[in-house]
Amino acid sequence: MKTIFDLKKVNFRKAFVSDLKDLFEIGKMDFGDEKWLTAKFLEDSLLEIGYHYIAEYDSKTVGGIIVTKYDFPKNWIYYLVVHPDYQRKGIGSAILNLVEKDVINNLPKKDSLYVDVGTEPEDLAARKFYFKNGFKSEGRVENWFDDGMPALVLRKSLR
C-alpha cells in the first residue's frame, strides 16, 4: 500500500550550516556533477545575509532554498532544491512562498525576487516551475554559466 504524502506535515525552518550536507546531496541528485555545485558554494551562499530555509518531512531534509538579500539585483535565488522523491508535491512552491513573504515584510518594500535558469532542454522543468510561480523572463544572457552556456534571468515582482 502506497503512503499518501501530506504537505501539511512538512516542517519549514531556517537553514543552518549543519544542513548543508543534506542540501548538497539533494543537489547532486538534481544537478549531477555541475561545476558550480560545491560544498563551498553552498556554505558561502548560506553565510550571506538572506532568506534560507529547509523543508523536512518525517525528520528528513527533503528540500531547501538559499536566497541572498544584498546581491545585485537584490533577493537572488542561489539555490532551490527538492529531493526527487518529493518533487511535484508542492514543497518547492511552499518554500518559495516563505521567501516571498520575507522579502515583502523586509526593507526595501515592494521588491522583486530573481533567479537564473539554463536554456537547455534538461532545464525545462525549472523554467516551468518558476513560470508557474509567477516569474517572468527579464532576458537571455550569453555565456552566463562557467561552461559558457546561456541563461534566462527571471524576475517575480512582489508589489
N, C-alpha and C. Protein backbone atom coordinates (compact mmCIF):
# COMPACT_ATOMS: atom_id res chain seq x y z
N MET A 1 0.84 -1.18 0.00
CA MET A 1 0.00 0.00 0.00
C MET A 1 0.89 1.25 0.00
N LYS A 2 0.61 2.17 -0.90
CA LYS A 2 1.41 3.39 -1.04
C LYS A 2 0.98 4.43 -0.01
N THR A 3 1.97 5.05 0.63
CA THR A 3 1.70 6.10 1.60
C THR A 3 1.34 7.39 0.88
N ILE A 4 0.35 8.10 1.39
CA ILE A 4 -0.06 9.36 0.79
C ILE A 4 0.74 10.50 1.43
N PHE A 5 1.32 11.31 0.58
CA PHE A 5 2.10 12.45 1.05
C PHE A 5 1.17 13.55 1.52
N ASP A 6 1.51 14.19 2.66
CA ASP A 6 0.71 15.28 3.22
C ASP A 6 1.61 16.50 3.39
N LEU A 7 1.41 17.51 2.53
CA LEU A 7 2.22 18.73 2.59
C LEU A 7 2.11 19.42 3.95
N LYS A 8 0.99 19.24 4.63
CA LYS A 8 0.82 19.86 5.95
C LYS A 8 1.79 19.30 6.99
N LYS A 9 2.37 18.14 6.69
CA LYS A 9 3.32 17.52 7.62
C LYS A 9 4.77 17.93 7.34
N VAL A 10 4.96 18.78 6.35
CA VAL A 10 6.31 19.27 6.06
C VAL A 10 6.62 20.40 7.03
N ASN A 11 7.78 20.31 7.65
CA ASN A 11 8.26 21.33 8.57
C ASN A 11 9.24 22.23 7.83
N PHE A 12 8.94 23.52 7.81
CA PHE A 12 9.83 24.50 7.20
C PHE A 12 10.50 25.28 8.33
N ARG A 13 11.82 25.40 8.24
CA ARG A 13 12.56 26.13 9.27
C ARG A 13 13.76 26.81 8.63
N LYS A 14 14.36 27.73 9.38
CA LYS A 14 15.56 28.40 8.92
C LYS A 14 16.67 27.36 8.72
N ALA A 15 17.49 27.58 7.70
CA ALA A 15 18.60 26.67 7.41
C ALA A 15 19.85 27.09 8.18
N PHE A 16 20.64 26.10 8.53
CA PHE A 16 21.90 26.30 9.23
C PHE A 16 23.02 25.61 8.48
N VAL A 17 24.25 25.95 8.80
CA VAL A 17 25.41 25.32 8.17
C VAL A 17 25.33 23.80 8.32
N SER A 18 24.82 23.33 9.45
CA SER A 18 24.71 21.88 9.68
C SER A 18 23.77 21.20 8.69
N ASP A 19 22.95 21.95 7.97
CA ASP A 19 22.03 21.39 6.98
C ASP A 19 22.66 21.23 5.60
N LEU A 20 23.84 21.80 5.41
CA LEU A 20 24.42 21.88 4.07
C LEU A 20 24.75 20.52 3.47
N LYS A 21 25.17 19.57 4.28
CA LYS A 21 25.50 18.24 3.74
C LYS A 21 24.28 17.64 3.05
N ASP A 22 23.13 17.70 3.71
CA ASP A 22 21.91 17.16 3.12
C ASP A 22 21.51 17.92 1.85
N LEU A 23 21.60 19.25 1.90
CA LEU A 23 21.26 20.05 0.72
C LEU A 23 22.19 19.76 -0.44
N PHE A 24 23.46 19.55 -0.13
CA PHE A 24 24.44 19.23 -1.16
C PHE A 24 24.10 17.89 -1.82
N GLU A 25 23.77 16.90 -1.01
CA GLU A 25 23.44 15.57 -1.55
C GLU A 25 22.19 15.62 -2.42
N ILE A 26 21.19 16.37 -1.99
CA ILE A 26 19.98 16.52 -2.81
C ILE A 26 20.32 17.22 -4.12
N GLY A 27 21.15 18.24 -4.05
CA GLY A 27 21.56 18.96 -5.25
C GLY A 27 22.29 18.07 -6.23
N LYS A 28 23.14 17.18 -5.73
CA LYS A 28 23.86 16.27 -6.62
C LYS A 28 22.89 15.35 -7.36
N MET A 29 21.80 14.98 -6.70
CA MET A 29 20.79 14.15 -7.37
C MET A 29 20.13 14.91 -8.52
N ASP A 30 19.94 16.20 -8.31
CA ASP A 30 19.23 17.02 -9.29
C ASP A 30 20.16 17.62 -10.34
N PHE A 31 21.33 18.11 -9.92
CA PHE A 31 22.23 18.82 -10.82
C PHE A 31 23.41 17.98 -11.29
N GLY A 32 23.58 16.79 -10.74
CA GLY A 32 24.69 15.94 -11.14
C GLY A 32 26.02 16.53 -10.72
N ASP A 33 26.98 16.47 -11.62
CA ASP A 33 28.34 16.94 -11.31
C ASP A 33 28.62 18.31 -11.91
N GLU A 34 27.62 19.19 -11.95
CA GLU A 34 27.86 20.52 -12.49
C GLU A 34 28.93 21.22 -11.65
N LYS A 35 29.81 21.95 -12.33
CA LYS A 35 30.99 22.55 -11.68
C LYS A 35 30.65 23.51 -10.56
N TRP A 36 29.58 24.26 -10.70
CA TRP A 36 29.25 25.29 -9.71
C TRP A 36 28.79 24.70 -8.39
N LEU A 37 28.28 23.46 -8.42
CA LEU A 37 27.73 22.86 -7.20
C LEU A 37 28.85 22.27 -6.35
N THR A 38 29.27 23.05 -5.37
CA THR A 38 30.30 22.61 -4.43
C THR A 38 29.82 22.90 -3.01
N ALA A 39 30.39 22.18 -2.06
CA ALA A 39 30.07 22.44 -0.66
C ALA A 39 30.45 23.86 -0.28
N LYS A 40 31.55 24.35 -0.82
CA LYS A 40 31.99 25.72 -0.51
C LYS A 40 31.00 26.74 -1.06
N PHE A 41 30.50 26.54 -2.28
CA PHE A 41 29.49 27.45 -2.84
C PHE A 41 28.27 27.53 -1.93
N LEU A 42 27.80 26.37 -1.47
CA LEU A 42 26.62 26.36 -0.60
C LEU A 42 26.91 27.05 0.73
N GLU A 43 28.05 26.77 1.31
CA GLU A 43 28.38 27.39 2.60
C GLU A 43 28.52 28.90 2.45
N ASP A 44 29.26 29.34 1.43
CA ASP A 44 29.42 30.78 1.20
C ASP A 44 28.07 31.45 0.98
N SER A 45 27.20 30.80 0.23
CA SER A 45 25.87 31.36 -0.05
C SER A 45 25.02 31.44 1.21
N LEU A 46 25.07 30.40 2.02
CA LEU A 46 24.27 30.37 3.25
C LEU A 46 24.75 31.42 4.24
N LEU A 47 26.03 31.73 4.21
CA LEU A 47 26.56 32.72 5.15
C LEU A 47 26.25 34.16 4.73
N GLU A 48 25.78 34.35 3.50
CA GLU A 48 25.33 35.67 3.05
C GLU A 48 24.03 36.03 3.77
N ILE A 49 23.80 37.31 3.97
CA ILE A 49 22.54 37.74 4.56
C ILE A 49 21.43 37.46 3.54
N GLY A 50 20.38 36.82 4.02
CA GLY A 50 19.30 36.49 3.11
C GLY A 50 18.23 35.65 3.76
N TYR A 51 17.58 34.86 2.94
CA TYR A 51 16.45 34.04 3.37
C TYR A 51 16.79 32.60 3.02
N HIS A 52 16.99 31.79 4.06
CA HIS A 52 17.47 30.43 3.86
C HIS A 52 16.57 29.48 4.65
N TYR A 53 15.96 28.53 3.95
CA TYR A 53 15.03 27.60 4.59
C TYR A 53 15.32 26.16 4.23
N ILE A 54 14.88 25.28 5.10
CA ILE A 54 14.94 23.84 4.92
C ILE A 54 13.52 23.31 4.99
N ALA A 55 13.22 22.30 4.19
CA ALA A 55 11.95 21.58 4.28
C ALA A 55 12.27 20.18 4.80
N GLU A 56 11.56 19.78 5.86
CA GLU A 56 11.76 18.45 6.44
C GLU A 56 10.44 17.68 6.43
N TYR A 57 10.55 16.40 6.13
CA TYR A 57 9.39 15.52 6.14
C TYR A 57 9.81 14.23 6.84
N ASP A 58 9.08 13.83 7.83
CA ASP A 58 9.46 12.66 8.65
C ASP A 58 10.89 12.78 9.15
N SER A 59 11.26 13.96 9.63
CA SER A 59 12.59 14.26 10.19
C SER A 59 13.72 14.12 9.17
N LYS A 60 13.39 14.14 7.90
CA LYS A 60 14.39 14.02 6.83
C LYS A 60 14.36 15.30 5.99
N THR A 61 15.54 15.84 5.68
CA THR A 61 15.60 17.01 4.81
C THR A 61 15.18 16.61 3.41
N VAL A 62 14.16 17.28 2.88
CA VAL A 62 13.65 16.96 1.54
C VAL A 62 13.79 18.13 0.58
N GLY A 63 14.27 19.28 1.08
CA GLY A 63 14.44 20.42 0.19
C GLY A 63 15.00 21.60 0.94
N GLY A 64 15.32 22.64 0.16
CA GLY A 64 15.83 23.85 0.76
C GLY A 64 15.99 24.96 -0.26
N ILE A 65 16.18 26.16 0.27
CA ILE A 65 16.36 27.33 -0.58
C ILE A 65 17.38 28.25 0.08
N ILE A 66 18.21 28.86 -0.75
CA ILE A 66 19.18 29.86 -0.30
C ILE A 66 19.00 31.08 -1.18
N VAL A 67 18.61 32.20 -0.55
CA VAL A 67 18.38 33.45 -1.28
C VAL A 67 19.21 34.53 -0.62
N THR A 68 20.04 35.21 -1.40
CA THR A 68 20.83 36.30 -0.85
C THR A 68 20.04 37.60 -0.96
N LYS A 69 20.12 38.39 0.08
CA LYS A 69 19.35 39.63 0.15
C LYS A 69 20.04 40.79 -0.55
N TYR A 70 21.36 40.85 -0.51
CA TYR A 70 22.05 42.05 -0.96
C TYR A 70 22.88 41.87 -2.23
N ASP A 71 22.68 40.81 -2.97
CA ASP A 71 23.37 40.68 -4.25
C ASP A 71 22.77 41.71 -5.20
N PHE A 72 23.33 41.83 -6.40
CA PHE A 72 22.73 42.73 -7.37
C PHE A 72 22.25 41.91 -8.55
N PRO A 73 20.99 41.89 -8.87
CA PRO A 73 19.96 42.57 -8.11
C PRO A 73 19.69 41.87 -6.78
N LYS A 74 18.96 42.57 -5.92
CA LYS A 74 18.67 42.05 -4.59
C LYS A 74 17.74 40.85 -4.68
N ASN A 75 17.79 40.02 -3.64
CA ASN A 75 16.91 38.87 -3.48
C ASN A 75 17.07 37.86 -4.61
N TRP A 76 18.28 37.35 -4.73
CA TRP A 76 18.63 36.41 -5.78
C TRP A 76 18.57 34.98 -5.24
N ILE A 77 17.83 34.11 -5.92
CA ILE A 77 17.76 32.70 -5.54
C ILE A 77 19.04 32.03 -6.02
N TYR A 78 19.90 31.67 -5.09
CA TYR A 78 21.14 30.98 -5.43
C TYR A 78 20.92 29.48 -5.57
N TYR A 79 19.97 28.96 -4.81
CA TYR A 79 19.84 27.51 -4.73
C TYR A 79 18.44 27.16 -4.27
N LEU A 80 17.77 26.33 -5.02
CA LEU A 80 16.46 25.79 -4.64
C LEU A 80 16.43 24.35 -5.09
N VAL A 81 16.31 23.45 -4.15
CA VAL A 81 16.27 22.02 -4.47
C VAL A 81 15.18 21.33 -3.68
N VAL A 82 14.63 20.29 -4.30
CA VAL A 82 13.70 19.39 -3.64
C VAL A 82 14.14 17.98 -4.03
N HIS A 83 14.21 17.11 -3.06
CA HIS A 83 14.60 15.71 -3.31
C HIS A 83 13.71 15.14 -4.41
N PRO A 84 14.30 14.41 -5.36
CA PRO A 84 13.50 13.86 -6.48
C PRO A 84 12.26 13.08 -6.05
N ASP A 85 12.32 12.37 -4.92
CA ASP A 85 11.16 11.61 -4.44
C ASP A 85 10.02 12.51 -3.96
N TYR A 86 10.30 13.80 -3.75
CA TYR A 86 9.31 14.72 -3.20
C TYR A 86 8.96 15.86 -4.15
N GLN A 87 9.47 15.81 -5.35
CA GLN A 87 9.16 16.85 -6.32
C GLN A 87 7.72 16.72 -6.79
N ARG A 88 7.17 17.85 -7.22
CA ARG A 88 5.79 17.95 -7.73
C ARG A 88 4.75 17.62 -6.67
N LYS A 89 5.08 17.97 -5.42
CA LYS A 89 4.16 17.77 -4.30
C LYS A 89 3.86 19.08 -3.58
N GLY A 90 4.37 20.19 -4.11
CA GLY A 90 4.10 21.50 -3.52
C GLY A 90 5.18 22.04 -2.60
N ILE A 91 6.23 21.27 -2.35
CA ILE A 91 7.27 21.71 -1.42
C ILE A 91 8.02 22.91 -1.98
N GLY A 92 8.42 22.86 -3.25
CA GLY A 92 9.15 23.96 -3.86
C GLY A 92 8.36 25.25 -3.83
N SER A 93 7.09 25.18 -4.19
CA SER A 93 6.24 26.37 -4.17
C SER A 93 6.05 26.89 -2.75
N ALA A 94 5.90 25.99 -1.79
CA ALA A 94 5.70 26.41 -0.40
C ALA A 94 6.95 27.10 0.15
N ILE A 95 8.11 26.57 -0.14
CA ILE A 95 9.34 27.18 0.37
C ILE A 95 9.61 28.51 -0.34
N LEU A 96 9.24 28.60 -1.60
CA LEU A 96 9.36 29.86 -2.34
C LEU A 96 8.42 30.90 -1.74
N ASN A 97 7.23 30.51 -1.35
CA ASN A 97 6.27 31.43 -0.73
C ASN A 97 6.80 31.98 0.60
N LEU A 98 7.51 31.17 1.37
CA LEU A 98 8.11 31.65 2.61
C LEU A 98 9.07 32.79 2.33
N VAL A 99 9.91 32.61 1.32
CA VAL A 99 10.88 33.64 0.96
C VAL A 99 10.16 34.89 0.47
N GLU A 100 9.14 34.72 -0.35
CA GLU A 100 8.39 35.88 -0.86
C GLU A 100 7.81 36.70 0.29
N LYS A 101 7.26 36.03 1.29
CA LYS A 101 6.73 36.75 2.46
C LYS A 101 7.83 37.50 3.19
N ASP A 102 9.00 36.87 3.33
CA ASP A 102 10.13 37.54 3.98
C ASP A 102 10.53 38.78 3.20
N VAL A 103 10.64 38.67 1.89
CA VAL A 103 11.04 39.81 1.06
C VAL A 103 10.02 40.93 1.19
N ILE A 104 8.75 40.60 1.13
CA ILE A 104 7.69 41.61 1.23
C ILE A 104 7.72 42.31 2.59
N ASN A 105 8.03 41.55 3.65
CA ASN A 105 7.99 42.11 5.00
C ASN A 105 9.28 42.78 5.45
N ASN A 106 10.29 42.80 4.60
CA ASN A 106 11.56 43.43 4.94
C ASN A 106 11.86 44.56 3.97
N LEU A 107 12.71 45.46 4.43
CA LEU A 107 13.11 46.56 3.56
C LEU A 107 14.11 46.08 2.53
N PRO A 108 14.15 46.61 1.35
CA PRO A 108 13.22 47.63 0.87
C PRO A 108 11.87 47.01 0.50
N LYS A 109 10.84 47.75 0.72
CA LYS A 109 9.50 47.29 0.40
C LYS A 109 9.31 47.23 -1.11
N LYS A 110 8.29 46.52 -1.54
CA LYS A 110 7.92 46.44 -2.96
C LYS A 110 9.10 46.03 -3.82
N ASP A 111 9.69 44.92 -3.48
CA ASP A 111 10.87 44.44 -4.18
C ASP A 111 10.53 43.28 -5.10
N SER A 112 11.55 42.69 -5.67
CA SER A 112 11.40 41.56 -6.58
C SER A 112 12.29 40.42 -6.13
N LEU A 113 12.05 39.27 -6.72
CA LEU A 113 12.85 38.07 -6.49
C LEU A 113 13.40 37.64 -7.85
N TYR A 114 14.68 37.26 -7.91
CA TYR A 114 15.35 36.91 -9.17
C TYR A 114 15.94 35.51 -9.11
N VAL A 115 16.08 34.90 -10.28
CA VAL A 115 16.74 33.60 -10.41
C VAL A 115 17.24 33.46 -11.84
N ASP A 116 18.28 32.65 -12.01
CA ASP A 116 18.72 32.32 -13.36
C ASP A 116 18.47 30.84 -13.61
N VAL A 117 18.09 30.51 -14.83
CA VAL A 117 17.85 29.12 -15.22
C VAL A 117 18.50 28.89 -16.57
N GLY A 118 18.92 27.66 -16.79
CA GLY A 118 19.52 27.31 -18.06
C GLY A 118 18.49 27.28 -19.18
N THR A 119 18.99 27.32 -20.39
CA THR A 119 18.12 27.31 -21.57
C THR A 119 18.07 25.94 -22.22
N GLU A 120 18.83 25.00 -21.70
CA GLU A 120 18.90 23.66 -22.26
C GLU A 120 17.60 22.89 -21.98
N PRO A 121 17.31 21.87 -22.78
CA PRO A 121 16.10 21.07 -22.55
C PRO A 121 16.02 20.46 -21.15
N GLU A 122 17.17 20.10 -20.56
CA GLU A 122 17.14 19.50 -19.22
C GLU A 122 16.75 20.51 -18.14
N ASP A 123 16.74 21.79 -18.49
CA ASP A 123 16.32 22.82 -17.54
C ASP A 123 14.85 23.22 -17.70
N LEU A 124 14.14 22.51 -18.55
CA LEU A 124 12.73 22.83 -18.82
C LEU A 124 11.87 22.76 -17.56
N ALA A 125 12.08 21.76 -16.73
CA ALA A 125 11.27 21.62 -15.50
C ALA A 125 11.45 22.83 -14.60
N ALA A 126 12.68 23.32 -14.47
CA ALA A 126 12.93 24.50 -13.63
C ALA A 126 12.23 25.72 -14.22
N ARG A 127 12.34 25.90 -15.52
CA ARG A 127 11.68 27.05 -16.16
C ARG A 127 10.17 26.98 -15.94
N LYS A 128 9.58 25.82 -16.14
CA LYS A 128 8.13 25.66 -15.94
C LYS A 128 7.74 25.97 -14.49
N PHE A 129 8.56 25.49 -13.55
CA PHE A 129 8.29 25.74 -12.13
C PHE A 129 8.24 27.24 -11.85
N TYR A 130 9.25 27.95 -12.28
CA TYR A 130 9.30 29.39 -11.99
C TYR A 130 8.20 30.16 -12.73
N PHE A 131 7.94 29.82 -13.97
CA PHE A 131 6.85 30.50 -14.69
C PHE A 131 5.51 30.22 -14.02
N LYS A 132 5.29 28.99 -13.58
CA LYS A 132 4.06 28.63 -12.87
C LYS A 132 3.92 29.43 -11.57
N ASN A 133 5.04 29.78 -10.96
CA ASN A 133 5.04 30.52 -9.71
C ASN A 133 5.15 32.03 -9.91
N GLY A 134 4.84 32.51 -11.11
CA GLY A 134 4.70 33.94 -11.35
C GLY A 134 5.93 34.69 -11.82
N PHE A 135 7.00 33.99 -12.13
CA PHE A 135 8.20 34.65 -12.64
C PHE A 135 8.03 34.97 -14.12
N LYS A 136 8.66 36.04 -14.55
CA LYS A 136 8.66 36.46 -15.95
C LYS A 136 10.11 36.57 -16.41
N SER A 137 10.33 36.37 -17.70
CA SER A 137 11.67 36.46 -18.24
C SER A 137 12.10 37.92 -18.34
N GLU A 138 13.30 38.21 -17.83
CA GLU A 138 13.90 39.54 -17.95
C GLU A 138 14.84 39.58 -19.15
N GLY A 139 15.22 38.41 -19.65
CA GLY A 139 16.09 38.36 -20.81
C GLY A 139 17.05 37.19 -20.75
N ARG A 140 17.72 37.01 -21.85
CA ARG A 140 18.70 35.93 -22.01
C ARG A 140 20.10 36.54 -21.92
N VAL A 141 20.99 35.84 -21.22
CA VAL A 141 22.37 36.28 -21.08
C VAL A 141 23.27 35.19 -21.65
N GLU A 142 24.07 35.55 -22.63
CA GLU A 142 25.01 34.58 -23.22
C GLU A 142 26.19 34.37 -22.28
N ASN A 143 26.77 33.19 -22.31
CA ASN A 143 27.96 32.86 -21.51
C ASN A 143 27.78 33.16 -20.02
N TRP A 144 26.62 32.87 -19.50
CA TRP A 144 26.29 33.16 -18.10
C TRP A 144 26.96 32.18 -17.15
N PHE A 145 26.93 30.92 -17.51
CA PHE A 145 27.47 29.87 -16.65
C PHE A 145 28.94 29.61 -16.97
N ASP A 146 29.64 28.95 -16.04
CA ASP A 146 31.07 28.66 -16.21
C ASP A 146 31.39 27.93 -17.51
N ASP A 147 30.47 27.11 -17.96
CA ASP A 147 30.73 26.34 -19.18
C ASP A 147 30.39 27.11 -20.45
N GLY A 148 30.11 28.41 -20.30
CA GLY A 148 29.80 29.24 -21.46
C GLY A 148 28.36 29.16 -21.94
N MET A 149 27.53 28.43 -21.22
CA MET A 149 26.14 28.27 -21.63
C MET A 149 25.32 29.51 -21.29
N PRO A 150 24.29 29.77 -22.08
CA PRO A 150 23.42 30.92 -21.80
C PRO A 150 22.42 30.61 -20.68
N ALA A 151 21.80 31.66 -20.19
CA ALA A 151 20.79 31.52 -19.15
C ALA A 151 19.67 32.52 -19.38
N LEU A 152 18.55 32.21 -18.81
CA LEU A 152 17.46 33.18 -18.73
C LEU A 152 17.47 33.74 -17.32
N VAL A 153 17.34 35.05 -17.22
CA VAL A 153 17.19 35.67 -15.91
C VAL A 153 15.70 35.92 -15.74
N LEU A 154 15.15 35.39 -14.66
CA LEU A 154 13.72 35.51 -14.38
C LEU A 154 13.51 36.41 -13.17
N ARG A 155 12.38 37.10 -13.16
CA ARG A 155 12.06 38.02 -12.07
C ARG A 155 10.60 37.86 -11.70
N LYS A 156 10.34 37.92 -10.42
CA LYS A 156 8.97 37.98 -9.93
C LYS A 156 8.82 39.24 -9.12
N SER A 157 7.93 40.11 -9.57
CA SER A 157 7.65 41.34 -8.84
C SER A 157 6.79 40.98 -7.64
N LEU A 158 7.15 41.52 -6.49
CA LEU A 158 6.39 41.26 -5.26
C LEU A 158 5.63 42.50 -4.82
N ARG A 159 5.23 43.31 -5.77
CA ARG A 159 4.49 44.56 -5.49
C ARG A 159 3.02 44.30 -5.38
